[in-house]
Every structure is written in C-alpha cells, then in structure tokens.
C-alpha cells in the first residue's frame, strides 16, 4: 500500500506525541445488540479528563468563529440555524467516532462567498449540497477507499503541512493587524495596548505555552500516572521532601492542569461585553426561524462552478484523507475509515444546506487543535455541540452581535496553536525522498493557495521519482510500492 512508511525517528522532546504509522489490523466483528450500542455510546462519550476535554472543545474555535461570523455579517448567513445544525453534527460525530472529530465550515466555499458579492446564501447552499452529494457517492461506492490507498503518505503530509502553516500565517495576521472579518481585510497595525491589543495576545500566547508546553503527552508534574514527573512527585512524598519543594510541585500541578483555551475564550467573551456594553440590549432570545432556502437554476450553476469545483479537492484531501491519517496517528488504538468520513460529510451537507446551515466538513486542523488542548474523546465535541445547540436555540442570530466584539487577537492565538499542531504531524518523514515530495507539495499549495494544485504537483513529482528508480528486473507495479534503501 502507498501508506507504508518506515518507523518514525525517535523524537527528543518528551512532550511531543509520537507519530508512528499504524499497521492495519483486523478486529473481529461484534454482533450489534442494544447492550453493545449502549456500551459503545458510553465508551465514546466518556471524558478522559473533565477539564482537558472542556479545554479541547475550544481548540476548534479559531477557525470556526471568524468564518461563521464573517458570513453572518457579510452574506446574511442564518447563524442560529448554523449553530443548531452544526451542534447536532458535533454530537453525532462524537457518538460515532469517539474522538474529537471536528465540524468546520467549508473554507473554499466561504472564501468565494466573501470575495464575490453576488455569491449569496443560495449559491453557498447549492455548492454545499453538490459537494456533499459527490462525497456521499464516493463513500457509498467505495471509491474513496481506492483514492486513500493510491495517495502516498508524503503527499498527504505535504497537504497537512501546508494547511497547518496556512493557519499559522493567518493567525499571525490576526494578531498583528486589525481585521475587518466581514470583508476579510486587514485595516492596519494593531495597537500595543487595549482590550484587543498586541500585549493581550502575547500574554495569552505565553499563558498557553506555560500551561500546555509543546505538546500534550506530558503536561507537567503529577499529571498522568505513568509520567516521570508523577513518579518523582511520589518519591518526593515518600522520602519526606522539604516543604518548599512540595509546595512547588503542587503549584506546578495546578498550573499545568489549567484549561488554558477555555480560560482564554471566557476572557474573550468578558472583554466583548466590556468593549461594547450596549451589546446586551441587542440580544434577542429565541431561535431563528428555520426555512427552506429557495434555489434558482442560476444558483445551482454558479454554486457548482465557483463553489463545488474548488471545494471538492480540498474536502477529499483535507477533510477525508488527511483527517483519516491524522486520526490514526493520534489515536492508534482506534480504526478510522475514509468511507465513513466521506459519508458523514456528505450527509451533513445533504441535510443541513437545504435549510440554510453553512456547508461543513471535518478538518485536520480542527482535529489537531482540539487534540492540542486536551480533547481525547467524543465527549469533547459532543459538549461543544451541546453548547452550540443551546446558543442557537436561546440566542439565535443575535449572538453575532457578541461575537463581533470578540477580540480577534485572541482568536488568532487559538488558531496559531491549532496550525502548529497540524504542521508538526509531518515530522515522521524519515527519508530525503519523502521529505522532498512533501516540501514541494507544501510550497506549491502555499504559493498557489490551492491544495489541489499542490496535490497534483506532489503526485507528479512522486511518480517521476518512482520511475527514476525503475529497473528492468522489476515490473512497474512493484516500483509504485517500492521502499527506498533507507526503509529496509
């Protein structure tokens, strides 16, 4: 298979989660009974750590809030309906997959809507329906599994690295520049001080680094039972260590267990009310009216040409293929299928877009962000989904007035760490040839702002390198799956 890869190089950073290609194993199928369903539901939704899961739920908001808010203010997207449907999607995906599987807006469709004033809600929804229909078809026919097997790991890593760096660069722009989210424009340099100043963003960033470090494997003293720091703390207690050292250990334990992303998000909400306290009077309680969107032939045509065609490659690569690979890397004990992911993305859009809910997909960046901040179970996204559902039913579209005052610099900080976490997954490329293909794919994706173009160039380079290694003693079919000398 094209995903066969050598074992990872040992990483010196003890906090970094190890990324190793997981071998495919066949598990015996269990008969589906009500008892088995209840047990699976309980297993998938059980919190590994209450504060960590709550913190992980905030890891996806750096991409979710800016896109949804911009479309709500610029294109009259029904925020209440979007919150209700995406909340339901979050709960269902948490139940099905048992990991923090994200639900994110389709970025290419959103970008087109924000850049073209004539690309309105009907065009957005038709683009989502058609994209979802194609993904659903690829899933149920098994064609997505064939795509997954044929795409080399180094090309997938190139797409992930490009997406991660793109998030990080956007995050830095959010922090450094004053943003007009509805128009997706930077208005000038951000002031150092203020309720949305550079100092605030820098303090939030330092706080996350202090609490979370570079990764989530070891978060600090007295964390997980198997950590070295935990054993040190136990030994110190048994030997009757000095009181000062014991107090330091307790402080470390408290600091390193803080839900950093949740605290920063709550801070942002408080600052939103302080920046403009009149927003309280603009809140209207009750859900937004859910109505079927009216489509014209022109909307279907424009939605397909300008929305579906650019979105499809990104959805296949980043929302299905890359998410499946990243999920296997982060949760090696679980099995993930591109068929299942493709079908769920398809169904989400085939249902919600008819009623005006923003087209959505899974995303490797969202998964990396939630994992970065502590999300480990389906309960993480189910909790986020429940919050979205409540907000959509209680506040509806009036929530946009609050989000419009949310400090953009804080959103940039959350997005920065999500992007870095996703980009770091590419560190398991151990051969120069694989790294070469990955970096070419990344460079083209970033410069051309197109994952599809980066994928195409990466595949061409990969095939050329394989053909270069061709010998008369080997058939062409063997060249494709051939391992380089370093891999033996």
Protein backbone atom coordinates (compact mmCIF):
# COMPACT_ATOMS: atom_id res chain seq x y z
CA UNK A 1 0.00 0.00 0.00
CA UNK A 2 1.09 3.54 -0.63
CA UNK A 3 0.84 4.41 3.05
CA UNK A 4 3.58 2.00 4.11
CA UNK A 5 6.25 4.06 5.79
CA UNK A 6 9.30 3.40 7.97
CA UNK A 7 9.11 3.69 11.75
CA UNK A 8 9.39 7.26 12.99
CA UNK A 9 12.64 8.81 14.09
CA UNK A 10 12.76 8.96 17.86
CA UNK A 11 11.75 12.45 18.96
CA UNK A 12 13.85 14.03 21.68
CA UNK A 13 11.05 16.21 23.04
CA UNK A 14 9.33 14.18 25.78
CA UNK A 15 6.17 16.27 25.47
CA UNK A 16 5.63 15.62 21.78
CA UNK A 17 3.11 12.89 20.96
CA UNK A 18 4.81 10.20 18.91
CA UNK A 19 3.59 9.93 15.33
CA UNK A 20 4.00 6.43 14.02
CA UNK A 21 2.31 4.82 11.04
CA UNK A 22 -0.21 2.40 12.46
CA UNK A 23 -0.45 -1.04 10.86
CA UNK A 24 -3.83 -2.13 9.70
CA UNK A 25 -5.32 -4.77 11.95
CA UNK A 26 -8.46 -6.78 11.50
CA UNK A 27 -10.67 -6.89 14.56
CA UNK A 28 -13.40 -9.45 14.95
CA UNK A 29 -16.82 -8.01 14.26
CA UNK A 30 -19.29 -7.93 17.13
CA UNK A 31 -22.99 -8.52 16.80
CA UNK A 32 -24.93 -5.27 17.08
CA UNK A 33 -27.18 -5.51 20.12
CA UNK A 34 -28.79 -2.81 22.29
CA UNK A 35 -26.33 -3.66 25.07
CA UNK A 36 -23.38 -3.30 22.70
CA UNK A 37 -24.77 0.02 21.37
CA UNK A 38 -25.15 1.42 24.89
CA UNK A 39 -21.64 0.29 25.82
CA UNK A 40 -20.18 1.87 22.68
CA UNK A 41 -22.07 5.09 23.33
CA UNK A 42 -20.75 5.21 26.88
CA UNK A 43 -17.19 4.48 25.76
CA UNK A 44 -17.20 7.10 23.00
CA UNK A 45 -18.63 9.89 25.14
CA UNK A 46 -16.79 9.24 28.42
CA UNK A 47 -14.44 12.10 29.32
CA UNK A 48 -10.80 11.11 29.78
CA UNK A 49 -10.35 14.25 31.88
CA UNK A 50 -13.15 16.75 32.51
CA UNK A 51 -11.08 19.93 32.35
CA UNK A 52 -8.91 18.68 29.49
CA UNK A 53 -11.95 17.73 27.36
CA UNK A 54 -13.59 21.08 28.07
CA UNK A 55 -10.36 22.80 27.11
CA UNK A 56 -10.08 20.71 23.93
CA UNK A 57 -13.55 21.79 22.83
CA UNK A 58 -12.21 25.34 22.48
CA UNK A 59 -9.38 24.28 20.14
CA UNK A 60 -11.52 24.48 17.01
CA UNK A 61 -12.95 27.97 17.57
CA UNK A 62 -10.00 29.80 16.00
CA UNK A 63 -11.23 28.75 12.55
CA UNK A 64 -14.95 28.33 13.27
CA UNK A 65 -15.79 31.77 14.70
CA UNK A 66 -14.06 34.04 12.11
CA UNK A 67 -15.58 32.25 9.10
CA UNK A 68 -19.11 31.93 10.51
CA UNK A 69 -19.10 35.50 11.85
CA UNK A 70 -17.83 36.93 8.54
CA UNK A 71 -20.51 35.14 6.52
CA UNK A 72 -23.23 36.13 9.00
CA UNK A 73 -22.35 39.83 8.80
CA UNK A 74 -21.43 39.98 5.10
CA UNK A 75 -23.84 37.49 3.46
CA UNK A 76 -26.75 37.24 5.95
CA UNK A 77 -25.97 33.62 6.81
CA UNK A 78 -28.50 32.34 9.35
CA UNK A 79 -26.23 32.00 12.40
CA UNK A 80 -28.93 30.44 14.59
CA UNK A 81 -29.70 27.68 12.07
CA UNK A 82 -25.99 27.05 11.50
CA UNK A 83 -25.37 26.71 15.25
CA UNK A 84 -28.27 24.28 15.66
CA UNK A 85 -27.26 22.02 12.78
CA UNK A 86 -23.51 22.09 13.50
CA UNK A 87 -24.28 21.39 17.15
CA UNK A 88 -26.25 18.30 16.15
CA UNK A 89 -23.41 17.26 13.81
CA UNK A 90 -20.88 17.61 16.64
CA UNK A 91 -22.93 15.39 18.94
CA UNK A 92 -23.47 12.72 16.27
CA UNK A 93 -19.80 12.61 15.21
CA UNK A 94 -18.76 12.38 18.86
CA UNK A 95 -21.06 9.39 19.30
CA UNK A 96 -19.92 7.68 16.09
CA UNK A 97 -16.14 8.16 16.24
CA UNK A 98 -15.38 8.52 19.94
CA UNK A 99 -12.65 11.10 19.25
CA UNK A 100 -12.77 14.93 18.93
CA UNK A 101 -13.80 14.80 15.26
CA UNK A 102 -14.35 18.46 14.27
CA UNK A 103 -17.16 20.04 12.28
CA UNK A 104 -15.83 23.06 10.38
CA UNK A 105 -17.11 25.40 7.66
CA UNK A 106 -16.03 24.58 4.11
CA UNK A 107 -13.25 27.12 3.62
CA UNK A 108 -13.10 27.35 -0.17
CA UNK A 109 -16.85 27.99 -0.43
CA UNK A 110 -16.60 30.57 2.37
CA UNK A 111 -13.68 32.31 0.65
CA UNK A 112 -15.63 32.54 -2.61
CA UNK A 113 -18.68 33.94 -0.82
CA UNK A 114 -16.62 36.63 0.92
CA UNK A 115 -14.81 37.67 -2.27
CA UNK A 116 -17.83 37.69 -4.62
CA UNK A 117 -20.77 39.91 -3.63
CA UNK A 118 -23.08 38.00 -5.98
CA UNK A 119 -22.29 34.66 -4.36
CA UNK A 120 -25.07 34.72 -1.78
CA UNK A 121 -26.79 32.25 0.52
CA UNK A 122 -28.49 30.24 -2.30
CA UNK A 123 -25.16 29.78 -4.09
CA UNK A 124 -23.40 28.84 -0.83
CA UNK A 125 -26.03 26.20 -0.09
CA UNK A 126 -26.10 24.71 -3.60
CA UNK A 127 -22.30 24.44 -3.51
CA UNK A 128 -22.56 22.59 -0.20
CA UNK A 129 -25.29 20.25 -1.41
CA UNK A 130 -23.41 19.33 -4.57
CA UNK A 131 -20.10 18.86 -2.71
CA UNK A 132 -21.84 16.71 -0.12
CA UNK A 133 -23.54 14.67 -2.85
CA UNK A 134 -20.21 13.89 -4.54
CA UNK A 135 -18.54 12.92 -1.24
CA UNK A 136 -21.52 10.74 -0.29
CA UNK A 137 -21.33 8.98 -3.67
CA UNK A 138 -17.58 8.39 -3.34
CA UNK A 139 -18.13 6.98 0.13
CA UNK A 140 -21.01 4.56 -0.52
CA UNK A 141 -19.43 3.23 -3.73
CA UNK A 142 -16.07 2.56 -2.07
CA UNK A 143 -14.21 4.85 -4.48
CA UNK A 144 -12.92 6.99 -1.62
CA UNK A 145 -11.12 3.96 -0.18
CA UNK A 146 -9.39 3.49 -3.53
CA UNK A 147 -8.30 7.14 -3.51
CA UNK A 148 -6.94 6.73 0.02
CA UNK A 149 -4.86 3.71 -0.96
CA UNK A 150 -3.35 5.36 -4.02
CA UNK A 151 -2.28 8.66 -2.44
CA UNK A 152 1.26 8.38 -0.96
CA UNK A 153 1.80 9.35 2.67
CA UNK A 154 4.37 12.04 1.75
CA UNK A 155 1.76 13.85 -0.37
CA UNK A 156 -0.76 13.72 2.48
CA UNK A 157 1.87 15.11 4.86
CA UNK A 158 2.56 17.90 2.36
CA UNK A 159 -1.12 18.89 2.36
CA UNK A 160 -1.20 18.77 6.18
CA UNK A 161 1.95 20.86 6.48
CA UNK A 162 0.61 23.43 4.01
CA UNK A 163 -2.72 23.65 5.84
CA UNK A 164 -1.01 23.96 9.20
CA UNK A 165 1.34 26.70 8.02
CA UNK A 166 -1.56 28.48 6.32
CA UNK A 167 -3.45 28.52 9.63
CA UNK A 168 -0.36 29.77 11.45
CA UNK A 169 0.26 32.58 8.96
CA UNK A 170 -3.40 33.64 9.13
CA UNK A 171 -3.18 33.57 12.93
CA UNK A 172 -0.16 35.86 12.93
CA UNK A 173 -2.07 38.25 10.65
CA UNK A 174 -4.99 38.22 13.10
CA UNK A 175 -2.63 39.08 15.95
CA UNK A 176 -0.58 41.80 14.19
CA UNK A 177 -3.27 43.53 12.11
CA UNK A 178 -6.68 44.99 12.90
CA UNK A 179 -9.20 42.85 11.00
CA UNK A 180 -12.46 43.54 9.20
CA UNK A 181 -13.78 39.98 9.23
CA UNK A 182 -16.86 40.56 7.02
CA UNK A 183 -14.62 41.90 4.25
CA UNK A 184 -11.62 39.65 5.08
CA UNK A 185 -9.33 42.67 5.05
CA UNK A 186 -6.58 44.00 7.31
CA UNK A 187 -7.11 47.62 8.34
CA UNK A 188 -3.69 48.46 9.74
CA UNK A 189 -1.28 47.71 12.57
CA UNK A 190 -2.82 46.63 15.86
CA UNK A 191 -2.12 48.87 18.86
CA UNK A 192 0.09 47.50 21.62
CA UNK A 193 -2.36 48.21 24.41
CA UNK A 194 -6.13 47.95 24.69
CA UNK A 195 -8.84 45.32 25.03
CA UNK A 196 -7.74 43.78 21.71
CA UNK A 197 -4.09 44.84 21.69
CA UNK A 198 -0.84 43.08 20.95
CA UNK A 199 0.08 42.82 24.63
CA UNK A 200 -3.15 40.92 25.35
CA UNK A 201 -2.46 38.45 22.52
CA UNK A 202 1.17 37.95 23.61
CA UNK A 203 0.14 37.34 27.23
CA UNK A 204 -2.48 34.77 26.09
CA UNK A 205 0.10 33.03 23.90
CA UNK A 206 2.65 32.85 26.73
CA UNK A 207 -0.03 31.53 29.08
CA UNK A 208 -0.85 28.67 26.69
CA UNK A 209 2.84 27.81 26.26
CA UNK A 210 3.37 27.77 30.05
CA UNK A 211 0.34 25.53 30.65
CA UNK A 212 0.50 23.25 27.61
CA UNK A 213 4.16 23.30 26.64
CA UNK A 214 4.96 21.94 23.19
CA UNK A 215 2.57 19.01 23.36
CA UNK A 216 0.06 17.06 25.36
CA UNK A 217 1.86 13.82 26.16
CA UNK A 218 3.32 15.11 29.44
CA UNK A 219 1.73 18.28 30.69
CA UNK A 220 3.61 18.60 33.93
CA UNK A 221 4.16 17.40 37.45
CA UNK A 222 1.73 14.91 38.90
CA UNK A 223 -0.17 14.67 35.62
CA UNK A 224 -0.63 11.17 34.23
CA UNK A 225 0.19 8.21 36.46
CA UNK A 226 2.85 6.93 34.10
CA UNK A 227 4.76 10.18 33.70
CA UNK A 228 8.28 10.55 35.03
CA UNK A 229 7.29 13.73 36.83
CA UNK A 230 4.48 11.88 38.59
CA UNK A 231 6.88 9.20 39.83
CA UNK A 232 9.24 11.93 41.00
CA UNK A 233 6.44 13.52 42.98
CA UNK A 234 5.55 10.16 44.57
CA UNK A 235 9.16 9.54 45.53
CA UNK A 236 9.46 13.03 46.97
CA UNK A 237 6.38 12.39 49.09
CA UNK A 238 7.66 9.00 50.31
CA UNK A 239 11.04 10.41 51.24
CA UNK A 240 9.52 13.34 53.07
CA UNK A 241 10.85 16.09 50.82
CA UNK A 242 11.17 19.59 52.12
CA UNK A 243 8.03 21.69 52.35
CA UNK A 244 9.22 24.25 49.80
CA UNK A 245 9.77 21.60 47.14
CA UNK A 246 6.40 20.03 47.91
CA UNK A 247 4.67 23.40 47.53
CA UNK A 248 6.44 23.95 44.20
CA UNK A 249 5.18 20.57 42.97
CA UNK A 250 1.64 21.44 43.95
CA UNK A 251 1.85 24.78 42.15
CA UNK A 252 3.20 23.05 39.04
CA UNK A 253 0.37 20.54 39.16
CA UNK A 254 -2.26 23.27 39.43
CA UNK A 255 -0.76 25.43 36.66
CA UNK A 256 -0.21 22.56 34.22
CA UNK A 257 -3.74 21.26 34.69
CA UNK A 258 -5.47 24.58 33.92
CA UNK A 259 -7.85 24.58 30.91
CA UNK A 260 -5.89 27.28 29.08
CA UNK A 261 -8.01 27.57 25.92
CA UNK A 262 -11.26 27.64 27.90
CA UNK A 263 -9.95 30.35 30.23
CA UNK A 264 -8.81 32.47 27.27
CA UNK A 265 -12.16 32.00 25.49
CA UNK A 266 -14.07 33.09 28.61
CA UNK A 267 -11.74 36.09 28.86
CA UNK A 268 -12.58 36.97 25.27
CA UNK A 269 -16.33 36.82 25.97
CA UNK A 270 -15.94 39.08 29.02
CA UNK A 271 -13.86 41.56 27.00
CA UNK A 272 -16.51 41.52 24.25
CA UNK A 273 -19.09 42.88 26.70
CA UNK A 274 -16.61 45.39 28.15
CA UNK A 275 -15.65 46.72 24.71
CA UNK A 276 -19.28 47.49 23.92
CA UNK A 277 -21.65 47.03 26.83
CA UNK A 278 -24.62 48.19 24.69
CA UNK A 279 -24.49 44.77 23.02
CA UNK A 280 -26.60 43.45 25.92
CA UNK A 281 -29.60 45.39 24.60
CA UNK A 282 -29.16 43.90 21.11
CA UNK A 283 -29.61 40.33 22.29
CA UNK A 284 -32.94 38.74 21.37
CA UNK A 285 -33.90 35.48 23.00
CA UNK A 286 -35.33 32.63 20.98
CA UNK A 287 -34.20 30.59 17.96
CA UNK A 288 -34.02 31.99 14.46
CA UNK A 289 -36.71 30.83 12.07
CA UNK A 290 -35.63 27.79 10.07
CA UNK A 291 -36.86 27.95 6.49
CA UNK A 292 -36.11 26.03 3.32
CA UNK A 293 -33.82 28.05 1.05
CA UNK A 294 -35.20 28.89 -2.38
CA UNK A 295 -32.87 27.96 -5.24
CA UNK A 296 -32.82 29.12 -8.85
CA UNK A 297 -31.17 27.41 -11.83
CA UNK A 298 -28.57 30.18 -11.83
CA UNK A 299 -27.77 29.47 -8.15
CA UNK A 300 -27.19 25.76 -8.89
CA UNK A 301 -24.94 26.58 -11.85
CA UNK A 302 -22.90 29.25 -10.08
CA UNK A 303 -22.70 27.21 -6.88
CA UNK A 304 -21.26 24.25 -8.78
CA UNK A 305 -18.76 26.20 -10.89
CA UNK A 306 -17.46 28.65 -8.28
CA UNK A 307 -18.13 26.68 -5.12
CA UNK A 308 -18.17 22.92 -5.62
CA UNK A 309 -15.31 22.58 -8.11
CA UNK A 310 -12.72 24.44 -5.97
CA UNK A 311 -14.01 22.85 -2.73
CA UNK A 312 -14.01 19.19 -3.81
CA UNK A 313 -10.22 18.63 -3.90
CA UNK A 314 -9.83 20.35 -0.52
CA UNK A 315 -12.64 18.28 1.02
CA UNK A 316 -11.29 14.99 -0.34
CA UNK A 317 -7.72 15.69 0.74
CA UNK A 318 -8.02 17.65 3.98
CA UNK A 319 -11.47 16.63 5.24
CA UNK A 320 -11.32 12.91 4.48
CA UNK A 321 -7.88 11.57 3.55
CA UNK A 322 -5.77 13.77 5.85
CA UNK A 323 -8.28 13.52 8.71
CA UNK A 324 -8.29 9.72 8.48
CA UNK A 325 -4.49 9.57 8.56
CA UNK A 326 -4.20 12.11 11.37
CA UNK A 327 -6.85 10.31 13.41
CA UNK A 328 -4.93 7.05 13.08
CA UNK A 329 -1.71 8.83 14.12
CA UNK A 330 -3.23 10.49 17.18
CA UNK A 331 -5.45 7.57 18.25
CA UNK A 332 -3.60 4.40 17.18
CA UNK A 333 -5.92 2.13 19.16
CA UNK A 334 -8.93 3.06 17.03
CA UNK A 335 -9.88 2.32 13.45
CA UNK A 336 -10.98 5.05 11.06
CA UNK A 337 -12.42 4.62 7.59
CA UNK A 338 -12.34 7.15 4.76
CA UNK A 339 -15.63 5.62 3.63
CA UNK A 340 -17.30 6.54 6.92
CA UNK A 341 -15.80 10.04 6.97
CA UNK A 342 -16.84 10.68 3.37
CA UNK A 343 -20.39 9.53 4.05
CA UNK A 344 -20.80 11.63 7.21
CA UNK A 345 -19.51 14.78 5.47
CA UNK A 346 -21.87 14.09 2.58
CA UNK A 347 -24.91 13.55 4.80
CA UNK A 348 -24.23 16.68 6.86
CA UNK A 349 -24.48 18.84 3.76
CA UNK A 350 -27.23 16.92 2.05
CA UNK A 351 -29.43 17.64 5.09
CA UNK A 352 -28.48 21.00 6.59
CA UNK A 353 -27.81 23.08 3.48
CA UNK A 354 -31.45 22.90 2.38
CA UNK A 355 -32.34 24.90 5.49
CA UNK A 356 -29.57 27.50 5.29
CA UNK A 357 -26.92 25.91 7.53
CA UNK A 358 -23.35 26.63 6.46
CA UNK A 359 -21.73 23.79 4.43
CA UNK A 360 -19.47 21.85 6.77
CA UNK A 361 -16.81 19.17 6.75
CA UNK A 362 -14.29 17.55 9.02
CA UNK A 363 -10.86 19.17 9.08
CA UNK A 364 -7.37 18.05 10.02
CA UNK A 365 -6.66 21.49 11.51
CA UNK A 366 -9.66 21.34 13.81
CA UNK A 367 -8.77 17.83 14.96
CA UNK A 368 -5.18 18.88 15.64
CA UNK A 369 -6.36 21.96 17.56
CA UNK A 370 -8.75 20.03 19.78
CA UNK A 371 -6.11 17.37 20.42
CA UNK A 372 -3.54 20.07 21.21
CA UNK A 373 -5.69 21.50 24.01
CA UNK A 374 -6.64 18.16 25.55
CA UNK A 375 -9.54 16.67 23.56
CA UNK A 376 -9.34 12.88 23.61
CA UNK A 377 -12.91 11.54 23.41
CA UNK A 378 -16.14 12.04 21.54
CA UNK A 379 -17.47 13.73 24.65
CA UNK A 380 -15.26 16.72 23.83
CA UNK A 381 -17.07 17.58 20.58
CA UNK A 382 -20.42 16.43 21.98
CA UNK A 383 -20.01 19.03 24.73
CA UNK A 384 -19.18 21.67 22.12
CA UNK A 385 -22.18 20.55 20.08
CA UNK A 386 -24.49 20.85 23.07
CA UNK A 387 -23.22 24.39 23.69
CA UNK A 388 -23.82 25.34 20.04
CA UNK A 389 -27.30 23.82 20.17
CA UNK A 390 -28.22 25.76 23.32
CA UNK A 391 -26.83 29.03 21.94
CA UNK A 392 -28.66 28.52 18.65
CA UNK A 393 -31.96 27.84 20.41
CA UNK A 394 -31.63 30.56 23.08
CA UNK A 395 -29.88 33.43 21.28
CA UNK A 396 -30.21 32.59 17.58
CA UNK A 397 -28.60 35.03 15.15
CA UNK A 398 -28.36 37.79 17.79
CA UNK A 399 -25.24 36.00 19.05
CA UNK A 400 -23.43 37.65 16.11
CA UNK A 401 -23.53 41.00 17.97
CA UNK A 402 -21.47 39.46 20.79
CA UNK A 403 -19.03 37.63 18.52
CA UNK A 404 -18.46 40.81 16.53
CA UNK A 405 -16.88 42.34 19.65
CA UNK A 406 -14.78 39.26 20.47
CA UNK A 407 -11.04 40.17 20.42
CA UNK A 408 -9.69 38.93 17.08
CA UNK A 409 -6.18 38.73 18.53
CA UNK A 410 -7.34 36.01 20.93
CA UNK A 411 -8.86 34.05 18.04
CA UNK A 412 -5.51 34.37 16.29
CA UNK A 413 -3.71 32.84 19.27
CA UNK A 414 -6.04 29.80 19.32
CA UNK A 415 -5.67 29.39 15.55
CA UNK A 416 -1.87 29.65 15.78
CA UNK A 417 -1.54 26.64 18.09
CA UNK A 418 -4.02 24.61 16.04
CA UNK A 419 -1.97 25.26 12.90
CA UNK A 420 1.34 24.40 14.55
CA UNK A 421 -0.08 21.15 15.94
CA UNK A 422 -1.24 20.13 12.46
CA UNK A 423 2.07 21.09 10.82
CA UNK A 424 4.07 19.07 13.36
CA UNK A 425 2.42 15.86 12.17
CA UNK A 426 4.70 15.95 9.13
CA UNK A 427 7.78 15.21 11.23
CA UNK A 428 7.61 11.46 10.54
CA UNK A 429 9.06 11.79 7.01
CA UNK A 430 12.32 9.91 7.56
CA UNK A 431 13.73 9.66 4.04
CA UNK A 432 15.06 12.51 1.95
CA UNK A 433 12.90 11.45 -0.99
CA UNK A 434 9.67 11.59 1.05
CA UNK A 435 10.66 14.94 2.58
CA UNK A 436 11.44 16.28 -0.90
CA UNK A 437 7.98 15.39 -2.21
CA UNK A 438 6.29 16.70 0.95
CA UNK A 439 8.04 20.08 0.82
CA UNK A 440 7.34 20.57 -2.89
CA UNK A 441 3.68 19.78 -2.27
CA UNK A 442 3.64 22.23 0.66
CA UNK A 443 5.38 25.04 -1.24
CA UNK A 444 3.06 24.84 -4.24
CA UNK A 445 -0.03 24.63 -2.00
CA UNK A 446 1.00 27.74 -0.06
CA UNK A 447 2.14 29.87 -3.00
CA UNK A 448 -0.77 28.88 -5.22
CA UNK A 449 -3.26 28.96 -2.31
CA UNK A 450 -4.62 25.68 -3.65
CA UNK A 451 -4.39 22.27 -2.03
CA UNK A 452 -5.49 20.74 -5.34
CA UNK A 453 -2.56 22.29 -7.22
CA UNK A 454 -0.11 21.21 -4.51
CA UNK A 455 -1.54 17.70 -4.60
CA UNK A 456 -1.23 17.50 -8.40
CA UNK A 457 2.39 18.68 -8.40
CA UNK A 458 3.25 16.41 -5.47
CA UNK A 459 1.81 13.36 -7.22
CA UNK A 460 3.69 14.18 -10.45
CA UNK A 461 7.00 14.52 -8.59
CA UNK A 462 6.30 11.31 -6.66
CA UNK A 463 5.63 9.37 -9.89
CA UNK A 464 8.76 10.81 -11.54
CA UNK A 465 10.91 9.75 -8.59
CA UNK A 466 9.40 6.27 -8.67
CA UNK A 467 10.02 5.94 -12.42
CA UNK A 468 13.57 7.16 -11.89
CA UNK A 469 14.17 4.13 -9.70
CA UNK A 470 12.86 1.81 -12.38
CA UNK A 471 14.95 -1.20 -13.32
CA UNK A 472 14.45 -3.93 -15.90
CA UNK A 473 14.21 -6.53 -13.18
CA UNK A 474 11.07 -5.03 -11.65
CA UNK A 475 7.61 -4.52 -13.10
CA UNK A 476 6.10 -1.04 -12.95
CA UNK A 477 3.52 -2.17 -10.37
CA UNK A 478 6.32 -3.03 -7.95
CA UNK A 479 8.01 0.34 -8.42
CA UNK A 480 4.96 2.21 -7.04
CA UNK A 481 5.07 0.32 -3.73
CA UNK A 482 8.85 0.10 -3.61
CA UNK A 483 10.61 1.06 -0.40
CA UNK A 484 13.72 3.18 -0.57
CA UNK A 485 17.00 1.74 0.75
CA UNK A 486 16.64 3.70 4.00
CA UNK A 487 13.35 1.97 4.71
CA UNK A 488 14.70 -1.58 4.74
